[in-house]
C-alpha atoms as a PDB file:
ATOM      1  CA  UNK A   1     -99.473 -31.309  -3.779  1.00  0.00           C
ATOM      2  CA  UNK A   2     -99.657 -28.646  -6.634  1.00  0.00           C
ATOM      3  CA  UNK A   3    -101.323 -28.857 -10.401  1.00  0.00           C
ATOM      4  CA  UNK A   4    -100.145 -26.392 -12.546  1.00  0.00           C
ATOM      5  CA  UNK A   5    -102.641 -25.653 -15.641  1.00  0.00           C
ATOM      6  CA  UNK A   6    -100.105 -24.579 -18.327  1.00  0.00           C
ATOM      7  CA  UNK A   7    -102.744 -24.478 -21.310  1.00  0.00           C
ATOM      8  CA  UNK A   8    -106.466 -24.198 -20.807  1.00  0.00           C
ATOM      9  CA  UNK A   9    -107.739 -23.733 -24.310  1.00  0.00           C
ATOM     10  CA  UNK A  10    -109.183 -25.871 -27.007  1.00  0.00           C
ATOM     11  CA  UNK A  11    -108.723 -25.940 -30.352  1.00  0.00           C
ATOM     12  CA  UNK A  12    -105.861 -23.459 -31.096  1.00  0.00           C
ATOM     13  CA  UNK A  13    -104.065 -20.768 -28.991  1.00  0.00           C
ATOM     14  CA  UNK A  14    -105.554 -17.358 -28.312  1.00  0.00           C
ATOM     15  CA  UNK A  15    -103.438 -14.390 -26.809  1.00  0.00           C
ATOM     16  CA  UNK A  16    -104.564 -15.503 -23.514  1.00  0.00           C
ATOM     17  CA  UNK A  17    -104.555 -19.313 -23.904  1.00  0.00           C
ATOM     18  CA  UNK A  18    -102.136 -21.704 -24.857  1.00  0.00           C
ATOM     19  CA  UNK A  19    -103.599 -25.977 -25.646  1.00  0.00           C
ATOM     20  CA  UNK A  20    -103.611 -28.584 -22.978  1.00  0.00           C
ATOM     21  CA  UNK A  21    -101.570 -29.226 -21.251  1.00  0.00           C
ATOM     22  CA  UNK A  22    -101.496 -30.238 -17.439  1.00  0.00           C
ATOM     23  CA  UNK A  23     -98.439 -30.161 -14.849  1.00  0.00           C
ATOM     24  CA  UNK A  24     -97.897 -32.396 -11.689  1.00  0.00           C
ATOM     25  CA  UNK A  25     -94.030 -30.806 -11.147  1.00  0.00           C
ATOM     26  CA  UNK A  26     -93.191 -32.332  -7.709  1.00  0.00           C
ATOM     27  CA  UNK A  27     -93.902 -35.752  -9.551  1.00  0.00           C
ATOM     28  CA  UNK A  28     -92.611 -34.998 -13.415  1.00  0.00           C
ATOM     29  CA  UNK A  29     -95.905 -36.039 -14.733  1.00  0.00           C
ATOM     30  CA  UNK A  30     -97.506 -34.370 -17.277  1.00  0.00           C
ATOM     31  CA  UNK A  31    -101.304 -34.479 -18.823  1.00  0.00           C
ATOM     32  CA  UNK A  32    -101.403 -33.835 -22.698  1.00  0.00           C
ATOM     33  CA  UNK A  33     -98.981 -31.946 -24.858  1.00  0.00           C
ATOM     34  CA  UNK A  34    -100.683 -28.984 -26.504  1.00  0.00           C
ATOM     35  CA  UNK A  35     -99.303 -25.836 -27.383  1.00  0.00           C
ATOM     36  CA  UNK A  36     -98.174 -25.282 -23.589  1.00  0.00           C
ATOM     37  CA  UNK A  37     -95.761 -27.708 -23.482  1.00  0.00           C
ATOM     38  CA  UNK A  38     -93.108 -25.410 -23.683  1.00  0.00           C
ATOM     39  CA  UNK A  39     -93.993 -24.109 -20.523  1.00  0.00           C
ATOM     40  CA  UNK A  40     -92.882 -27.237 -18.779  1.00  0.00           C
ATOM     41  CA  UNK A  41     -89.569 -26.677 -18.796  1.00  0.00           C
ATOM     42  CA  UNK A  42     -89.678 -23.767 -16.212  1.00  0.00           C
ATOM     43  CA  UNK A  43     -90.921 -26.010 -13.614  1.00  0.00           C
ATOM     44  CA  UNK A  44     -89.245 -29.686 -14.736  1.00  0.00           C
ATOM     45  CA  UNK A  45     -86.846 -30.525 -11.324  1.00  0.00           C
ATOM     46  CA  UNK A  46     -87.541 -34.144 -11.434  1.00  0.00           C
ATOM     47  CA  UNK A  47     -84.732 -36.347 -13.633  1.00  0.00           C
ATOM     48  CA  UNK A  48     -87.487 -38.531 -15.161  1.00  0.00           C
ATOM     49  CA  UNK A  49     -90.745 -37.085 -17.091  1.00  0.00           C
ATOM     50  CA  UNK A  50     -94.132 -38.903 -17.613  1.00  0.00           C
ATOM     51  CA  UNK A  51     -96.420 -37.429 -20.571  1.00  0.00           C
ATOM     52  CA  UNK A  52    -100.097 -39.483 -20.442  1.00  0.00           C
ATOM     53  CA  UNK A  53    -101.998 -38.292 -23.761  1.00  0.00           C
ATOM     54  CA  UNK A  54    -105.426 -38.312 -23.364  1.00  0.00           C
ATOM     55  CA  UNK A  55    -105.796 -38.680 -27.203  1.00  0.00           C
ATOM     56  CA  UNK A  56    -104.391 -37.777 -30.768  1.00  0.00           C
ATOM     57  CA  UNK A  57    -106.311 -34.721 -31.757  1.00  0.00           C
ATOM     58  CA  UNK A  58    -103.155 -31.589 -32.558  1.00  0.00           C
ATOM     59  CA  UNK A  59    -104.459 -29.618 -29.947  1.00  0.00           C
ATOM     60  CA  UNK A  60    -103.499 -32.254 -27.235  1.00  0.00           C
ATOM     61  CA  UNK A  61    -100.002 -33.038 -28.924  1.00  0.00           C
ATOM     62  CA  UNK A  62     -98.206 -30.721 -30.846  1.00  0.00           C
ATOM     63  CA  UNK A  63     -96.084 -29.802 -27.954  1.00  0.00           C
ATOM     64  CA  UNK A  64     -94.373 -33.512 -28.031  1.00  0.00           C
ATOM     65  CA  UNK A  65     -92.628 -31.288 -31.396  1.00  0.00           C
ATOM     66  CA  UNK A  66     -90.809 -29.066 -28.653  1.00  0.00           C
ATOM     67  CA  UNK A  67     -89.228 -31.208 -26.452  1.00  0.00           C
ATOM     68  CA  UNK A  68     -85.868 -30.629 -27.486  1.00  0.00           C
ATOM     69  CA  UNK A  69     -86.006 -27.555 -26.098  1.00  0.00           C
ATOM     70  CA  UNK A  70     -88.360 -28.548 -22.750  1.00  0.00           C
ATOM     71  CA  UNK A  71     -85.314 -31.073 -22.065  1.00  0.00           C
ATOM     72  CA  UNK A  72     -82.189 -28.759 -23.600  1.00  0.00           C
ATOM     73  CA  UNK A  73     -79.711 -28.592 -20.971  1.00  0.00           C
ATOM     74  CA  UNK A  74     -81.443 -31.700 -18.596  1.00  0.00           C
ATOM     75  CA  UNK A  75     -79.511 -35.057 -17.583  1.00  0.00           C
ATOM     76  CA  UNK A  76     -83.212 -36.894 -18.103  1.00  0.00           C
ATOM     77  CA  UNK A  77     -82.700 -40.756 -16.648  1.00  0.00           C
ATOM     78  CA  UNK A  78     -86.266 -41.525 -18.472  1.00  0.00           C
ATOM     79  CA  UNK A  79     -89.159 -39.465 -20.250  1.00  0.00           C
ATOM     80  CA  UNK A  80     -91.786 -41.887 -21.453  1.00  0.00           C
ATOM     81  CA  UNK A  81     -94.743 -40.608 -23.794  1.00  0.00           C
ATOM     82  CA  UNK A  82     -98.190 -43.097 -22.519  1.00  0.00           C
ATOM     83  CA  UNK A  83    -101.301 -43.414 -24.217  1.00  0.00           C
ATOM     84  CA  UNK A  84    -102.908 -45.774 -26.557  1.00  0.00           C
ATOM     85  CA  UNK A  85    -101.319 -47.731 -28.688  1.00  0.00           C
ATOM     86  CA  UNK A  86    -103.061 -46.577 -32.055  1.00  0.00           C
ATOM     87  CA  UNK A  87    -102.381 -42.738 -30.879  1.00  0.00           C
ATOM     88  CA  UNK A  88     -99.044 -43.435 -30.491  1.00  0.00           C
ATOM     89  CA  UNK A  89     -98.699 -45.119 -33.787  1.00  0.00           C
ATOM     90  CA  UNK A  90    -100.481 -42.156 -35.131  1.00  0.00           C
ATOM     91  CA  UNK A  91     -98.488 -39.726 -33.519  1.00  0.00           C
ATOM     92  CA  UNK A  92     -95.070 -41.583 -34.743  1.00  0.00           C
ATOM     93  CA  UNK A  93     -96.105 -41.931 -38.119  1.00  0.00           C
ATOM     94  CA  UNK A  94     -97.712 -38.118 -38.828  1.00  0.00           C
ATOM     95  CA  UNK A  95     -96.582 -35.600 -36.349  1.00  0.00           C
ATOM     96  CA  UNK A  96     -92.753 -37.061 -36.940  1.00  0.00           C
ATOM     97  CA  UNK A  97     -93.305 -38.144 -40.290  1.00  0.00           C
ATOM     98  CA  UNK A  98     -89.748 -36.857 -41.925  1.00  0.00           C
ATOM     99  CA  UNK A  99     -91.709 -34.101 -44.083  1.00  0.00           C
ATOM    100  CA  UNK A 100     -93.003 -32.649 -40.961  1.00  0.00           C
ATOM    101  CA  UNK A 101     -90.151 -33.058 -38.257  1.00  0.00           C
ATOM    102  CA  UNK A 102     -86.867 -35.134 -39.779  1.00  0.00           C
ATOM    103  CA  UNK A 103     -85.371 -35.996 -36.268  1.00  0.00           C
ATOM    104  CA  UNK A 104     -86.483 -38.443 -34.129  1.00  0.00           C
ATOM    105  CA  UNK A 105     -88.256 -37.471 -30.559  1.00  0.00           C
ATOM    106  CA  UNK A 106     -86.441 -37.279 -27.509  1.00  0.00           C
ATOM    107  CA  UNK A 107     -88.530 -39.759 -25.855  1.00  0.00           C
ATOM    108  CA  UNK A 108     -89.977 -43.130 -25.632  1.00  0.00           C
ATOM    109  CA  UNK A 109     -93.246 -43.963 -26.499  1.00  0.00           C
ATOM    110  CA  UNK A 110     -95.138 -47.034 -24.114  1.00  0.00           C
ATOM    111  CA  UNK A 111     -98.891 -47.840 -24.562  1.00  0.00           C
ATOM    112  CA  UNK A 112    -100.758 -46.536 -21.349  1.00  0.00           C
ATOM    113  CA  UNK A 113    -101.146 -49.190 -18.552  1.00  0.00           C
ATOM    114  CA  UNK A 114    -104.733 -49.701 -16.736  1.00  0.00           C
ATOM    115  CA  UNK A 115    -102.759 -48.638 -13.774  1.00  0.00           C
ATOM    116  CA  UNK A 116     -99.756 -46.881 -13.944  1.00  0.00           C
ATOM    117  CA  UNK A 117     -97.771 -46.115 -11.140  1.00  0.00           C
ATOM    118  CA  UNK A 118     -96.793 -42.141  -9.808  1.00  0.00           C
ATOM    119  CA  UNK A 119     -94.763 -41.674  -7.426  1.00  0.00           C
ATOM    120  CA  UNK A 120     -95.465 -40.758  -3.662  1.00  0.00           C
ATOM    121  CA  UNK A 121     -97.625 -43.842  -4.270  1.00  0.00           C
ATOM    122  CA  UNK A 122    -100.204 -42.709  -6.674  1.00  0.00           C
ATOM    123  CA  UNK A 123    -101.991 -44.410  -9.646  1.00  0.00           C
ATOM    124  CA  UNK A 124    -103.517 -43.224 -12.999  1.00  0.00           C
ATOM    125  CA  UNK A 125    -106.009 -45.497 -14.258  1.00  0.00           C
ATOM    126  CA  UNK A 126    -107.941 -44.053 -17.749  1.00  0.00           C
ATOM    127  CA  UNK A 127    -111.272 -44.616 -18.905  1.00  0.00           C
ATOM    128  CA  UNK A 128    -112.707 -44.127 -22.324  1.00  0.00           C
ATOM    129  CA  UNK A 129    -114.540 -40.986 -23.423  1.00  0.00           C
ATOM    130  CA  UNK A 130    -117.384 -40.510 -26.120  1.00  0.00           C
ATOM    131  CA  UNK A 131    -115.416 -38.156 -28.805  1.00  0.00           C
ATOM    132  CA  UNK A 132    -114.600 -38.569 -32.271  1.00  0.00           C
ATOM    133  CA  UNK A 133    -111.493 -40.420 -32.830  1.00  0.00           C
ATOM    134  CA  UNK A 134    -111.888 -41.978 -29.067  1.00  0.00           C
ATOM    135  CA  UNK A 135    -110.295 -40.120 -26.203  1.00  0.00           C
ATOM    136  CA  UNK A 136    -109.320 -40.976 -22.763  1.00  0.00           C
ATOM    137  CA  UNK A 137    -110.317 -39.798 -19.351  1.00  0.00           C
ATOM    138  CA  UNK A 138    -107.793 -39.873 -16.390  1.00  0.00           C
ATOM    139  CA  UNK A 139    -108.111 -40.525 -12.926  1.00  0.00           C
ATOM    140  CA  UNK A 140    -105.164 -40.136 -10.207  1.00  0.00           C
ATOM    141  CA  UNK A 141    -105.475 -41.433  -6.764  1.00  0.00           C
ATOM    142  CA  UNK A 142    -102.996 -40.833  -3.457  1.00  0.00           C
ATOM    143  CA  UNK A 143    -103.526 -42.240  -0.291  1.00  0.00           C
ATOM    144  CA  UNK A 144    -105.043 -38.841   0.845  1.00  0.00           C
ATOM    145  CA  UNK A 145    -105.865 -37.112  -2.266  1.00  0.00           C
ATOM    146  CA  UNK A 146    -107.257 -37.441  -5.811  1.00  0.00           C
ATOM    147  CA  UNK A 147    -108.019 -35.360  -9.134  1.00  0.00           C
ATOM    148  CA  UNK A 148    -109.696 -35.988 -12.311  1.00  0.00           C
ATOM    149  CA  UNK A 149    -109.045 -35.129 -15.905  1.00  0.00           C
ATOM    150  CA  UNK A 150    -112.215 -34.924 -18.644  1.00  0.00           C
ATOM    151  CA  UNK A 151    -111.303 -33.461 -21.742  1.00  0.00           C
ATOM    152  CA  UNK A 152    -113.174 -33.777 -25.189  1.00  0.00           C
ATOM    153  CA  UNK A 153    -116.090 -35.069 -24.411  1.00  0.00           C
ATOM    154  CA  UNK A 154    -119.737 -34.347 -24.424  1.00  0.00           C
ATOM    155  CA  UNK A 155    -120.713 -33.945 -20.902  1.00  0.00           C
ATOM    156  CA  UNK A 156    -124.128 -35.720 -19.346  1.00  0.00           C
ATOM    157  CA  UNK A 157    -124.934 -36.120 -15.669  1.00  0.00           C
ATOM    158  CA  UNK A 158    -125.306 -40.169 -16.878  1.00  0.00           C
ATOM    159  CA  UNK A 159    -122.522 -40.595 -18.226  1.00  0.00           C
ATOM    160  CA  UNK A 160    -120.545 -43.555 -18.130  1.00  0.00           C
ATOM    161  CA  UNK A 161    -117.460 -41.958 -16.551  1.00  0.00           C
ATOM    162  CA  UNK A 162    -119.157 -40.070 -13.933  1.00  0.00           C
ATOM    163  CA  UNK A 163    -118.855 -43.083 -12.171  1.00  0.00           C
ATOM    164  CA  UNK A 164    -115.083 -43.178 -12.498  1.00  0.00           C
ATOM    165  CA  UNK A 165    -114.388 -39.962 -11.514  1.00  0.00           C
ATOM    166  CA  UNK A 166    -116.818 -39.837  -7.762  1.00  0.00           C
ATOM    167  CA  UNK A 167    -115.856 -38.636  -5.162  1.00  0.00           C
ATOM    168  CA  UNK A 168    -112.535 -36.782  -6.337  1.00  0.00           C
ATOM    169  CA  UNK A 169    -111.057 -34.065  -4.806  1.00  0.00           C
ATOM    170  CA  UNK A 170    -110.771 -32.079  -7.578  1.00  0.00           C
ATOM    171  CA  UNK A 171    -112.009 -32.495 -10.788  1.00  0.00           C
ATOM    172  CA  UNK A 172    -110.416 -30.912 -14.414  1.00  0.00           C
ATOM    173  CA  UNK A 173    -113.082 -30.773 -17.000  1.00  0.00           C
ATOM    174  CA  UNK A 174    -113.486 -29.306 -20.222  1.00  0.00           C
ATOM    175  CA  UNK A 175    -115.955 -26.623 -21.231  1.00  0.00           C
ATOM    176  CA  UNK A 176    -115.361 -25.305 -24.732  1.00  0.00           C
ATOM    177  CA  UNK A 177    -119.139 -23.948 -24.916  1.00  0.00           C
ATOM    178  CA  UNK A 178    -121.651 -22.224 -22.772  1.00  0.00           C
ATOM    179  CA  UNK A 179    -125.067 -23.207 -22.514  1.00  0.00           C
ATOM    180  CA  UNK A 180    -126.001 -21.507 -26.152  1.00  0.00           C
ATOM    181  CA  UNK A 181    -124.246 -24.200 -28.285  1.00  0.00           C
ATOM    182  CA  UNK A 182    -125.755 -27.886 -27.407  1.00  0.00           C
ATOM    183  CA  UNK A 183    -125.629 -28.902 -31.069  1.00  0.00           C
ATOM    184  CA  UNK A 184    -122.382 -27.962 -31.831  1.00  0.00           C
ATOM    185  CA  UNK A 185    -121.211 -29.559 -28.883  1.00  0.00           C
ATOM    186  CA  UNK A 186    -122.216 -32.768 -29.722  1.00  0.00           C
ATOM    187  CA  UNK A 187    -121.292 -32.481 -33.232  1.00  0.00           C
ATOM    188  CA  UNK A 188    -117.515 -31.517 -32.321  1.00  0.00           C
ATOM    189  CA  UNK A 189    -117.614 -33.854 -29.042  1.00  0.00           C
ATOM    190  CA  UNK A 190    -117.186 -31.282 -26.259  1.00  0.00           C
ATOM    191  CA  UNK A 191    -119.205 -29.696 -23.434  1.00  0.00           C
ATOM    192  CA  UNK A 192    -121.251 -27.304 -22.471  1.00  0.00           C
ATOM    193  CA  UNK A 193    -121.368 -25.497 -19.087  1.00  0.00           C
ATOM    194  CA  UNK A 194    -124.409 -26.656 -17.381  1.00  0.00           C
ATOM    195  CA  UNK A 195    -124.132 -30.138 -17.993  1.00  0.00           C
ATOM    196  CA  UNK A 196    -120.556 -29.942 -17.133  1.00  0.00           C
ATOM    197  CA  UNK A 197    -121.792 -28.734 -13.417  1.00  0.00           C
ATOM    198  CA  UNK A 198    -124.111 -31.508 -13.610  1.00  0.00           C
ATOM    199  CA  UNK A 199    -121.293 -34.071 -13.780  1.00  0.00           C
ATOM    200  CA  UNK A 200    -119.856 -32.302 -10.544  1.00  0.00           C
ATOM    201  CA  UNK A 201    -122.830 -32.327  -8.707  1.00  0.00           C
ATOM    202  CA  UNK A 202    -123.779 -35.942  -9.614  1.00  0.00           C
ATOM    203  CA  UNK A 203    -120.010 -37.264  -8.635  1.00  0.00           C
ATOM    204  CA  UNK A 204    -119.919 -35.349  -5.609  1.00  0.00           C
ATOM    205  CA  UNK A 205    -116.841 -33.588  -6.519  1.00  0.00           C
ATOM    206  CA  UNK A 206    -115.063 -31.050  -4.402  1.00  0.00           C
ATOM    207  CA  UNK A 207    -113.916 -28.816  -6.539  1.00  0.00           C
ATOM    208  CA  UNK A 208    -114.457 -28.259 -10.179  1.00  0.00           C
ATOM    209  CA  UNK A 209    -112.062 -26.110 -12.424  1.00  0.00           C
ATOM    210  CA  UNK A 210    -112.793 -25.117 -16.384  1.00  0.00           C
ATOM    211  CA  UNK A 211    -110.674 -25.744 -19.322  1.00  0.00           C
ATOM    212  CA  UNK A 212    -110.312 -26.270 -23.270  1.00  0.00           C
ATOM    213  CA  UNK A 213    -112.074 -23.227 -23.194  1.00  0.00           C
ATOM    214  CA  UNK A 214    -113.345 -21.863 -26.614  1.00  0.00           C
ATOM    215  CA  UNK A 215    -110.574 -19.776 -28.007  1.00  0.00           C
ATOM    216  CA  UNK A 216    -112.910 -16.922 -29.787  1.00  0.00           C
ATOM    217  CA  UNK A 217    -114.727 -16.078 -26.516  1.00  0.00           C
ATOM    218  CA  UNK A 218    -113.498 -12.649 -25.741  1.00  0.00           C
ATOM    219  CA  UNK A 219    -113.277 -12.644 -21.774  1.00  0.00           C
ATOM    220  CA  UNK A 220    -114.540 -15.406 -19.473  1.00  0.00           C
ATOM    221  CA  UNK A 221    -117.823 -13.946 -18.693  1.00  0.00           C
ATOM    222  CA  UNK A 222    -119.227 -14.770 -21.712  1.00  0.00           C
ATOM    223  CA  UNK A 223    -118.885 -18.858 -20.367  1.00  0.00           C
ATOM    224  CA  UNK A 224    -122.105 -17.970 -17.775  1.00  0.00           C
ATOM    225  CA  UNK A 225    -120.136 -19.708 -14.855  1.00  0.00           C
ATOM    226  CA  UNK A 226    -121.953 -17.197 -12.448  1.00  0.00           C
ATOM    227  CA  UNK A 227    -125.713 -18.918 -13.069  1.00  0.00           C
ATOM    228  CA  UNK A 228    -123.891 -22.533 -13.047  1.00  0.00           C
ATOM    229  CA  UNK A 229    -122.856 -22.136  -9.427  1.00  0.00           C
ATOM    230  CA  UNK A 230    -126.422 -22.729  -8.342  1.00  0.00           C
ATOM    231  CA  UNK A 231    -126.292 -26.168 -10.034  1.00  0.00           C
ATOM    232  CA  UNK A 232    -122.287 -26.470  -8.514  1.00  0.00           C
ATOM    233  CA  UNK A 233    -120.923 -23.911  -6.094  1.00  0.00           C
ATOM    234  CA  UNK A 234    -117.409 -24.956  -6.093  1.00  0.00           C
ATOM    235  CA  UNK A 235    -116.611 -23.889  -9.967  1.00  0.00           C
ATOM    236  CA  UNK A 236    -114.340 -21.415 -11.501  1.00  0.00           C
ATOM    237  CA  UNK A 237    -112.817 -21.359 -14.888  1.00  0.00           C
ATOM    238  CA  UNK A 238    -109.107 -21.865 -14.833  1.00  0.00           C
ATOM    239  CA  UNK A 239    -106.229 -19.583 -16.700  1.00  0.00           C
ATOM    240  CA  UNK A 240    -102.895 -20.026 -18.114  1.00  0.00           C
ATOM    241  CA  UNK A 241    -100.233 -20.591 -14.825  1.00  0.00           C
ATOM    242  CA  UNK A 242    -102.962 -21.047 -12.540  1.00  0.00           C
ATOM    243  CA  UNK A 243    -101.759 -22.871  -9.511  1.00  0.00           C
ATOM    244  CA  UNK A 244    -103.746 -25.373  -7.820  1.00  0.00           C
ATOM    245  CA  UNK A 245    -103.259 -26.823  -4.463  1.00  0.00           C
ATOM    246  CA  UNK A 246    -105.301 -30.104  -3.424  1.00  0.00           C
END
């Protein structure tokens, strides 16, 4: 199975990265709808599309306003945006306010189920993360593989979500900061590098890929991943359009 990292920046895009959007093209499943959402059109081959939102901060939902172009010329049986009830209400009221976006969006919204069925006998489960305004973490399981998507939280190896992701083959985890800004990470509800590596080690995951990278970094070396490999060797920084087989 293939996971596409369509957007790997946090907060805002830069010349190298768009904001959060991950896609399982074979299944028609998207995790978050940041500014990279327009790229879904290039990879959409299914006649259904399920978009799962972790929360409703703008860098994770702005791409919902791109859906007319994403779906242009496509005959879709169903397009559904899944999220917490209050977050979907905020999206409907604010993002699609007549003063901001005067046309109804071309999809339905549905409160996320605790266990959402995925194609190929998969299940997506969600759990709360600590973040201003609240966020969700996702775990996706199939009979022969698994992945977790953790974004917008402050990583600690004793966080409640560590048990939820234990043993996954692939962990996609936010890492907005290096280790030089721990106070800012706590203030904004984001993660520094070393704690993320410690989470991966504590959870016994197979592979760790970092996303939600600080857009102010001029290059990936500034994040300091080489040192974190002493804690968890199988770590790398995700980049836009990266394809991951798992």
